[in-house]
Amino acid sequence: MKTVFKSVKAAAGGMGLDRVFITGVSPVVLSDMTSGYNVGEDIFLLPQFNDLCGFNEGEVAAVLNQLAAEGGDWSADQALATMRTFYNGYRFSEEAEESLYNPTLSLYFFKALATQGQYPRRLLDENLAMDRNKLIYIASLPHGEELLIEALRGDDRVLVPELVQRFGVADVLAAVKDQPFMASLLYFFGILTLAGEGELAKLILRIPNLVARGLYVERLRERWLPATDARAASRAAAERLYLDADPAPLCALIEESYFAVLSNRDYRWTNELLVKFAFLTLLFDDRLYMAVSELETARGYADLALIVRPDMRRFQALDLLLEFKYLSLKELGLSGEQVRGESSAALAQRPAVAAKLDEAEAQARDYGGNLIRRHGLTDLRAFAVVALGVERLVFRSVSDCHVRPNLTEPQSSEHKTGSTAG
């Protein structure tokens, strides 16, 4: 490869080649191979070239409208909303105003509509499966798994002073694998993207879309639940929630096996974030759902919303919303042994637990009303979930999110409903 680039340089130096334009490769590839081609100029961060390697929304919408005009049992508007959730979100310059759609995934989606008349069953094109190996590499580095968690939090916590651009063999083998190095690698791999500037002019990096988020969740799930039988049990428990709105089996599984795994890891996030990540990694299923953590609603952020994909509504999966709270054993005034020995119903009656359930329920009711209006839902099932240390989970169904959806006005704060504890 070095010889090729030397030949290109020589040809551009008076042997008939006037200009050279190279695309489709990142600094990760070019660091060592182009050592003999030192006349190049990097343009990938310039705002005028932001849309060079992706599709903008107008282009995607135009193709969908053209395909819809040719016939098919699907809506161009719904297809655009789905593609926006799963494929949009890339920015290649901090000054860019418009985000882009992944072209590989978009063409994969278009082909399914054109040839099969429906969405692809899997929204991740397996041509991108190699991204999993990149995440495996990052997760294996010191603090790499912590970086994946920070990215998944969704609150713009991944900040770097500048993108690292030296990725030669010596750099990869010997350089300090700090957050800027790892985050820059993820950026150039296409599984983080620019999202503007933060404090002290640092660059904000975030996961671009739901397909990329799925790769992160899948990797963490494999690390945290390595046993095959545990994964089978988690799928069965998740399906009980999808079909019957029954979170009890999933809560029991998390109590018995998952809390021990998470609480033993070297993180300083033993709070509601821990329980949210437990549910997120176990419930994420992009075959059926748009599973979004910290989904923005009109009045705040829903902890975890599972909205059935438009093309999957012919199945019996339910739309779901979960709001999480955390109560330490110190706040509760009980030991771990006492909490484990008490029934869920008795724990739910304790004043501190009931107050947290009430708080989560109020948020779920408020956010649920907004989700109903946004997505036109008719049967959203919502739950308030409180973690008691890393010992027990107590949940309560929030019934008025699906019994009385008001499609034009926010839910009244005086509307009263019954609830069940589990």
Protein backbone atom coordinates (compact mmCIF):
# COMPACT_ATOMS: atom_id res chain seq x y z
CA MET A 1 0.00 0.00 0.00
CA LYS A 2 2.86 2.37 0.74
CA THR A 3 4.22 1.70 -2.76
CA VAL A 4 0.81 2.50 -4.27
CA PHE A 5 0.64 5.84 -2.51
CA LYS A 6 4.22 6.69 -3.47
CA SER A 7 3.32 5.98 -7.10
CA VAL A 8 0.23 8.21 -6.87
CA LYS A 9 2.35 11.01 -5.40
CA ALA A 10 4.90 10.62 -8.15
CA ALA A 11 2.21 10.64 -10.85
CA ALA A 12 0.78 13.85 -9.41
CA GLY A 13 4.21 15.45 -9.53
CA GLY A 14 4.36 16.02 -13.27
CA MET A 15 3.50 12.59 -14.69
CA GLY A 16 -0.01 13.39 -15.88
CA LEU A 17 -2.12 13.17 -12.70
CA ASP A 18 -3.37 16.65 -11.78
CA ARG A 19 -5.59 16.02 -8.76
CA VAL A 20 -6.25 13.18 -6.36
CA PHE A 21 -9.38 12.76 -4.26
CA ILE A 22 -9.53 9.91 -1.76
CA THR A 23 -12.72 8.98 0.09
CA GLY A 24 -13.98 6.04 2.11
CA VAL A 25 -10.93 5.75 4.36
CA SER A 26 -10.25 7.21 7.79
CA PRO A 27 -7.07 8.26 9.62
CA VAL A 28 -7.13 4.83 11.27
CA VAL A 29 -6.29 3.31 7.87
CA LEU A 30 -4.10 6.09 6.55
CA SER A 31 -1.76 6.58 9.51
CA ASP A 32 0.93 4.08 8.47
CA MET A 33 0.04 3.20 4.90
CA THR A 34 0.40 6.72 3.53
CA SER A 35 3.73 7.61 5.10
CA GLY A 36 5.07 8.11 1.60
CA TYR A 37 2.13 10.31 0.57
CA ASN A 38 2.71 13.47 2.58
CA VAL A 39 1.01 15.93 0.23
CA GLY A 40 -2.59 15.23 1.22
CA GLU A 41 -5.00 17.66 2.87
CA ASP A 42 -7.66 16.38 5.27
CA ILE A 43 -11.07 17.90 4.55
CA PHE A 44 -13.33 15.57 6.52
CA LEU A 45 -14.05 18.06 9.35
CA LEU A 46 -14.83 21.03 7.10
CA PRO A 47 -18.53 22.02 7.27
CA GLN A 48 -18.91 22.44 3.50
CA PHE A 49 -18.18 18.73 3.06
CA ASN A 50 -20.42 17.50 5.89
CA ASP A 51 -23.03 16.01 3.53
CA LEU A 52 -20.54 14.45 1.13
CA CYS A 53 -20.80 10.91 2.51
CA GLY A 54 -24.40 10.67 3.67
CA PHE A 55 -28.00 11.35 2.64
CA ASN A 56 -29.91 14.34 3.97
CA GLU A 57 -33.56 14.06 4.96
CA GLY A 58 -34.83 15.66 1.76
CA GLU A 59 -33.06 13.04 -0.34
CA VAL A 60 -34.37 10.18 1.80
CA ALA A 61 -37.93 11.55 1.73
CA ALA A 62 -37.81 11.92 -2.06
CA VAL A 63 -36.84 8.26 -2.54
CA LEU A 64 -39.53 7.08 -0.12
CA ASN A 65 -42.20 9.11 -1.91
CA GLN A 66 -41.09 7.66 -5.25
CA LEU A 67 -41.21 4.10 -3.90
CA ALA A 68 -44.59 4.69 -2.24
CA ALA A 69 -46.02 5.91 -5.56
CA GLU A 70 -45.07 2.56 -7.09
CA GLY A 71 -47.31 0.76 -4.57
CA GLY A 72 -46.94 -1.07 -1.29
CA ASP A 73 -48.69 -1.51 2.02
CA TRP A 74 -46.66 1.10 3.88
CA SER A 75 -46.67 4.84 4.51
CA ALA A 76 -43.88 7.12 3.30
CA ASP A 77 -44.29 9.33 6.38
CA GLN A 78 -44.06 6.39 8.79
CA ALA A 79 -41.11 4.93 6.88
CA LEU A 80 -39.32 8.29 7.13
CA ALA A 81 -39.98 8.44 10.88
CA THR A 82 -38.58 4.92 11.28
CA MET A 83 -35.49 5.68 9.22
CA ARG A 84 -34.96 8.90 11.15
CA THR A 85 -34.92 6.96 14.42
CA PHE A 86 -32.70 4.10 13.23
CA TYR A 87 -30.42 5.63 10.58
CA ASN A 88 -30.18 9.42 11.03
CA GLY A 89 -27.94 11.45 13.31
CA TYR A 90 -24.46 11.67 11.76
CA ARG A 91 -22.49 14.92 11.72
CA PHE A 92 -18.93 15.17 10.42
CA SER A 93 -18.25 18.77 11.39
CA GLU A 94 -18.92 20.55 14.66
CA GLU A 95 -20.25 23.47 12.62
CA ALA A 96 -22.71 21.37 10.60
CA GLU A 97 -26.38 22.15 11.14
CA GLU A 98 -27.93 19.17 9.35
CA SER A 99 -27.56 15.55 10.43
CA LEU A 100 -27.22 12.78 7.86
CA TYR A 101 -28.61 9.31 7.23
CA ASN A 102 -26.25 6.36 7.00
CA PRO A 103 -26.13 5.62 3.24
CA THR A 104 -25.39 1.88 3.58
CA LEU A 105 -28.36 1.38 5.89
CA SER A 106 -30.62 3.67 3.86
CA LEU A 107 -29.96 1.79 0.62
CA TYR A 108 -30.53 -1.49 2.47
CA PHE A 109 -33.92 -0.16 3.64
CA PHE A 110 -34.85 1.18 0.18
CA LYS A 111 -33.99 -2.14 -1.44
CA ALA A 112 -36.31 -4.02 0.91
CA LEU A 113 -39.16 -1.62 0.13
CA ALA A 114 -38.53 -1.84 -3.62
CA THR A 115 -38.15 -5.62 -3.86
CA GLN A 116 -40.33 -6.92 -1.01
CA GLY A 117 -42.83 -4.11 -0.52
CA GLN A 118 -42.09 -3.93 3.22
CA TYR A 119 -39.47 -2.92 5.77
CA PRO A 120 -36.47 -5.23 6.22
CA ARG A 121 -37.06 -7.60 9.12
CA ARG A 122 -33.72 -6.64 10.65
CA LEU A 123 -32.94 -2.94 10.48
CA LEU A 124 -29.19 -3.54 10.84
CA ASP A 125 -27.53 -4.47 7.56
CA GLU A 126 -25.06 -7.27 8.33
CA ASN A 127 -22.49 -5.42 6.23
CA LEU A 128 -22.00 -3.34 9.38
CA ALA A 129 -21.51 -6.37 11.63
CA MET A 130 -17.79 -5.63 11.86
CA ASP A 131 -18.69 -2.66 14.07
CA ARG A 132 -19.32 -5.21 16.82
CA ASN A 133 -15.66 -6.20 16.77
CA LYS A 134 -14.65 -2.55 17.12
CA LEU A 135 -16.79 -2.23 20.23
CA ILE A 136 -15.33 -5.46 21.59
CA TYR A 137 -11.87 -3.93 21.22
CA ILE A 138 -12.88 -0.71 23.00
CA ALA A 139 -14.67 -2.60 25.79
CA SER A 140 -11.54 -4.66 26.42
CA LEU A 141 -9.40 -1.58 27.11
CA PRO A 142 -9.06 -0.11 30.61
CA HIS A 143 -12.12 2.07 31.23
CA GLY A 144 -13.40 1.15 27.77
CA GLU A 145 -16.57 -0.42 29.10
CA GLU A 146 -17.13 2.69 31.18
CA LEU A 147 -16.92 4.80 28.01
CA LEU A 148 -19.62 2.68 26.35
CA ILE A 149 -21.85 3.26 29.38
CA GLU A 150 -21.20 7.00 29.34
CA ALA A 151 -22.17 7.09 25.66
CA LEU A 152 -25.35 5.09 26.31
CA ARG A 153 -26.47 7.48 29.03
CA GLY A 154 -27.54 9.86 26.30
CA ASP A 155 -26.77 13.10 28.17
CA ASP A 156 -23.72 14.25 26.18
CA ARG A 157 -21.15 13.12 28.73
CA VAL A 158 -18.56 12.02 26.14
CA LEU A 159 -16.35 15.09 25.70
CA VAL A 160 -12.91 15.32 24.06
CA PRO A 161 -10.67 18.39 23.65
CA GLU A 162 -9.93 17.40 20.04
CA LEU A 163 -10.29 14.31 17.90
CA VAL A 164 -7.16 12.15 18.06
CA GLN A 165 -5.90 11.51 14.54
CA ARG A 166 -2.74 9.45 15.06
CA PHE A 167 -3.55 5.76 14.80
CA GLY A 168 -0.41 4.18 13.45
CA VAL A 169 0.70 0.77 14.67
CA ALA A 170 3.05 2.32 17.23
CA ASP A 171 0.29 4.64 18.48
CA VAL A 172 -2.27 1.86 18.84
CA LEU A 173 0.23 -0.40 20.62
CA ALA A 174 1.92 2.16 22.84
CA ALA A 175 -0.31 5.22 23.22
CA VAL A 176 -2.27 5.84 26.39
CA LYS A 177 -5.78 4.50 25.76
CA ASP A 178 -7.58 7.37 27.47
CA GLN A 179 -11.10 8.59 26.73
CA PRO A 180 -10.07 10.98 23.89
CA PHE A 181 -8.23 8.12 22.15
CA MET A 182 -11.08 5.62 22.54
CA ALA A 183 -13.83 8.12 21.74
CA SER A 184 -11.95 9.30 18.63
CA LEU A 185 -11.63 5.70 17.45
CA LEU A 186 -15.39 5.26 17.87
CA TYR A 187 -15.96 8.47 15.92
CA PHE A 188 -13.82 7.35 12.99
CA PHE A 189 -15.43 3.90 13.14
CA GLY A 190 -18.82 5.62 12.71
CA ILE A 191 -20.40 4.57 16.02
CA LEU A 192 -20.05 7.95 17.70
CA THR A 193 -20.68 11.23 15.94
CA LEU A 194 -20.19 14.94 16.53
CA ALA A 195 -22.96 16.73 18.38
CA GLY A 196 -21.59 20.24 18.84
CA GLU A 197 -19.33 21.90 21.38
CA GLY A 198 -19.50 21.76 25.16
CA GLU A 199 -17.68 23.37 28.03
CA LEU A 200 -14.26 24.88 27.29
CA ALA A 201 -14.81 24.30 23.55
CA LYS A 202 -14.64 20.52 23.96
CA LEU A 203 -16.26 18.40 21.25
CA ILE A 204 -19.43 16.53 22.24
CA LEU A 205 -19.70 13.00 20.87
CA ARG A 206 -22.87 10.92 21.01
CA ILE A 207 -24.35 7.72 19.60
CA PRO A 208 -25.97 8.77 16.30
CA ASN A 209 -29.05 6.55 16.12
CA LEU A 210 -30.85 3.45 17.31
CA VAL A 211 -28.93 0.98 15.13
CA ALA A 212 -25.64 2.15 16.63
CA ARG A 213 -27.18 2.14 20.12
CA GLY A 214 -28.18 -1.47 19.55
CA LEU A 215 -24.53 -2.40 18.95
CA TYR A 216 -23.57 -0.87 22.30
CA VAL A 217 -26.41 -2.59 24.16
CA GLU A 218 -25.61 -5.93 22.53
CA ARG A 219 -21.97 -5.69 23.54
CA LEU A 220 -22.73 -4.84 27.18
CA ARG A 221 -25.34 -7.59 27.39
CA GLU A 222 -22.79 -10.13 26.18
CA ARG A 223 -20.28 -8.97 28.79
CA TRP A 224 -22.79 -8.89 31.64
CA LEU A 225 -24.76 -12.04 30.79
CA PRO A 226 -22.22 -14.39 29.20
CA ALA A 227 -24.07 -17.63 30.03
CA THR A 228 -26.37 -18.95 27.31
CA ASP A 229 -29.01 -20.17 29.76
CA ALA A 230 -29.11 -16.73 31.43
CA ARG A 231 -29.77 -15.08 28.06
CA ALA A 232 -32.56 -17.54 27.32
CA ALA A 233 -34.14 -16.80 30.70
CA SER A 234 -33.88 -13.06 30.07
CA ARG A 235 -35.58 -13.38 26.66
CA ALA A 236 -38.44 -15.36 28.19
CA ALA A 237 -38.87 -12.77 30.96
CA ALA A 238 -38.78 -9.91 28.44
CA GLU A 239 -41.46 -11.57 26.33
CA ARG A 240 -43.77 -11.75 29.35
CA LEU A 241 -43.52 -7.97 29.53
CA TYR A 242 -43.92 -7.49 25.77
CA LEU A 243 -47.04 -9.67 25.55
CA ASP A 244 -48.70 -9.59 28.98
CA ALA A 245 -47.44 -6.33 30.53
CA ASP A 246 -46.06 -8.42 33.39
CA PRO A 247 -42.67 -7.16 34.65
CA ALA A 248 -42.52 -9.59 37.61
CA PRO A 249 -40.37 -12.30 35.89
CA LEU A 250 -37.92 -9.69 34.61
CA CYS A 251 -37.66 -8.04 38.03
CA ALA A 252 -37.02 -11.43 39.62
CA LEU A 253 -34.29 -12.26 37.10
CA ILE A 254 -32.58 -8.90 37.67
CA GLU A 255 -32.72 -9.38 41.45
CA GLU A 256 -31.34 -12.91 41.31
CA SER A 257 -28.59 -12.64 38.75
CA TYR A 258 -28.11 -9.22 37.17
CA PHE A 259 -27.70 -6.97 40.21
CA ALA A 260 -24.78 -9.04 41.43
CA VAL A 261 -23.04 -8.66 38.08
CA LEU A 262 -23.55 -4.90 37.84
CA SER A 263 -22.89 -3.99 41.47
CA ASN A 264 -19.53 -5.81 41.44
CA ARG A 265 -18.21 -3.79 38.51
CA ASP A 266 -16.02 -0.77 39.14
CA TYR A 267 -18.56 1.99 38.53
CA ARG A 268 -19.79 4.87 40.62
CA TRP A 269 -23.37 4.72 39.39
CA THR A 270 -25.22 2.63 41.97
CA ASN A 271 -28.41 4.63 41.55
CA GLU A 272 -31.38 4.67 39.20
CA LEU A 273 -28.96 4.55 36.29
CA LEU A 274 -27.99 1.04 37.32
CA VAL A 275 -31.55 -0.25 37.22
CA LYS A 276 -32.20 1.57 33.94
CA PHE A 277 -29.20 -0.10 32.32
CA ALA A 278 -30.32 -3.49 33.61
CA PHE A 279 -33.71 -3.09 31.94
CA LEU A 280 -32.29 -1.46 28.80
CA THR A 281 -29.84 -4.26 28.07
CA LEU A 282 -32.45 -6.95 28.71
CA LEU A 283 -35.34 -5.35 26.82
CA PHE A 284 -33.59 -3.93 23.77
CA ASP A 285 -35.06 -5.71 20.73
CA ASP A 286 -34.99 -3.70 17.50
CA ARG A 287 -36.85 -6.46 15.65
CA LEU A 288 -40.01 -5.27 17.41
CA TYR A 289 -39.32 -2.00 19.14
CA MET A 290 -37.89 1.44 18.95
CA ALA A 291 -36.31 1.14 22.41
CA VAL A 292 -35.15 4.57 23.47
CA SER A 293 -33.47 5.52 26.74
CA GLU A 294 -33.98 9.13 27.86
CA LEU A 295 -36.57 9.72 25.13
CA GLU A 296 -37.34 13.42 25.01
CA THR A 297 -40.98 14.36 25.57
CA ALA A 298 -42.57 17.80 25.80
CA ARG A 299 -41.96 18.04 29.55
CA GLY A 300 -38.78 16.07 30.16
CA TYR A 301 -37.10 12.76 29.46
CA ALA A 302 -38.72 9.35 29.76
CA ASP A 303 -36.31 6.81 31.25
CA LEU A 304 -37.08 3.93 28.88
CA ALA A 305 -39.76 3.86 26.21
CA LEU A 306 -40.43 0.80 24.05
CA ILE A 307 -42.51 1.91 21.07
CA VAL A 308 -43.53 -0.85 18.64
CA ARG A 309 -42.16 -0.34 15.13
CA PRO A 310 -44.91 0.71 12.69
CA ASP A 311 -44.34 -2.38 10.54
CA MET A 312 -44.59 -4.70 13.57
CA ARG A 313 -47.94 -3.56 14.90
CA ARG A 314 -49.60 -6.60 13.33
CA PHE A 315 -48.08 -8.60 16.17
CA GLN A 316 -49.27 -8.48 19.76
CA ALA A 317 -46.37 -6.59 21.32
CA LEU A 318 -47.38 -3.78 23.67
CA ASP A 319 -46.07 -0.22 23.80
CA LEU A 320 -44.26 0.21 27.10
CA LEU A 321 -42.91 2.99 29.30
CA LEU A 322 -40.78 2.51 32.42
CA GLU A 323 -39.74 5.16 34.94
CA PHE A 324 -37.01 4.26 37.44
CA LYS A 325 -36.09 5.45 40.91
CA TYR A 326 -33.41 4.33 43.35
CA LEU A 327 -33.58 4.11 47.14
CA SER A 328 -30.45 3.19 49.09
CA LEU A 329 -30.69 0.78 52.00
CA LYS A 330 -29.46 3.57 54.26
CA GLU A 331 -32.38 5.78 53.21
CA LEU A 332 -34.71 2.84 53.70
CA GLY A 333 -33.30 2.01 57.13
CA LEU A 334 -33.03 -1.72 56.42
CA SER A 335 -30.23 -4.18 55.86
CA GLY A 336 -29.87 -6.18 52.68
CA GLU A 337 -30.99 -9.31 54.50
CA GLN A 338 -34.12 -7.58 55.81
CA VAL A 339 -35.01 -6.28 52.34
CA ARG A 340 -34.55 -9.72 50.80
CA GLY A 341 -36.73 -11.30 53.47
CA GLU A 342 -39.72 -8.99 53.04
CA SER A 343 -42.46 -9.44 50.44
CA SER A 344 -42.80 -7.02 47.54
CA ALA A 345 -46.23 -5.92 48.71
CA ALA A 346 -44.91 -5.14 52.21
CA LEU A 347 -41.95 -3.22 50.80
CA ALA A 348 -44.26 -1.19 48.58
CA GLN A 349 -46.20 -0.05 51.67
CA ARG A 350 -43.15 1.40 53.40
CA PRO A 351 -43.39 5.22 53.33
CA ALA A 352 -40.02 5.82 51.66
CA VAL A 353 -40.75 3.24 48.95
CA ALA A 354 -44.31 4.47 48.41
CA ALA A 355 -43.03 8.04 48.00
CA LYS A 356 -40.55 6.96 45.30
CA LEU A 357 -43.26 4.93 43.55
CA ASP A 358 -45.55 7.97 43.62
CA GLU A 359 -42.81 10.16 42.13
CA ALA A 360 -42.04 7.68 39.35
CA GLU A 361 -45.73 7.14 38.68
CA ALA A 362 -46.38 10.86 38.31
CA GLN A 363 -43.53 11.16 35.80
CA ALA A 364 -44.70 8.07 33.90
CA ARG A 365 -48.22 9.46 33.67
CA ASP A 366 -46.98 12.80 32.42
CA TYR A 367 -44.49 11.39 29.92
CA GLY A 368 -46.96 8.72 28.86
CA GLY A 369 -49.54 11.30 27.83
CA ASN A 370 -46.96 12.96 25.61
CA LEU A 371 -45.94 9.65 24.02
CA ILE A 372 -49.57 8.81 23.34
CA ARG A 373 -50.06 12.09 21.50
CA ARG A 374 -46.75 11.91 19.64
CA HIS A 375 -47.15 8.34 18.34
CA GLY A 376 -50.94 8.04 18.28
CA LEU A 377 -50.84 5.17 20.78
CA THR A 378 -54.04 3.58 22.08
CA ASP A 379 -52.71 1.15 24.69
CA LEU A 380 -49.50 2.35 26.32
CA ARG A 381 -48.58 0.31 29.40
CA ALA A 382 -46.50 2.24 31.93
CA PHE A 383 -44.69 1.16 35.10
CA ALA A 384 -42.99 2.85 38.01
CA VAL A 385 -39.99 0.81 39.17
CA VAL A 386 -37.99 1.44 42.35
CA ALA A 387 -34.70 -0.30 43.12
CA LEU A 388 -33.95 -0.88 46.80
CA GLY A 389 -30.18 -0.81 46.83
CA VAL A 390 -28.99 -3.64 44.60
CA GLU A 391 -31.24 -6.14 46.38
CA ARG A 392 -34.86 -5.78 45.32
CA LEU A 393 -37.15 -4.20 42.75
CA VAL A 394 -40.66 -2.94 43.50
CA PHE A 395 -42.96 -1.94 40.66
CA ARG A 396 -46.36 -0.39 40.21
CA SER A 397 -48.50 -0.24 37.08
CA VAL A 398 -49.61 3.20 35.94
CA SER A 399 -53.03 2.51 34.56
CA ASP A 400 -54.31 5.83 33.25
CA CYS A 401 -51.64 6.02 30.53
CA HIS A 402 -53.66 3.47 28.55
CA VAL A 403 -57.19 3.71 29.96
CA ARG A 404 -57.83 7.37 29.27
CA PRO A 405 -55.44 8.73 26.65
CA ASN A 406 -56.28 12.38 25.97
CA LEU A 407 -55.09 13.09 22.46
CA THR A 408 -55.46 16.86 22.57
CA GLU A 409 -54.77 18.06 26.11
CA PRO A 410 -52.28 17.05 28.81
CA GLN A 411 -53.51 14.68 31.47
CA SER A 412 -55.11 16.49 34.38
CA SER A 413 -53.16 16.32 37.59
CA GLU A 414 -56.47 15.71 39.39
CA HIS A 415 -57.29 12.59 37.42
CA LYS A 416 -57.12 9.70 39.88
CA THR A 417 -56.42 6.09 39.17
CA GLY A 418 -55.94 2.85 40.99
CA SER A 419 -52.59 1.11 41.00
CA THR A 420 -51.18 -2.28 41.74
CA ALA A 421 -47.91 -3.05 43.41
CA GLY A 422 -45.66 -5.94 42.60
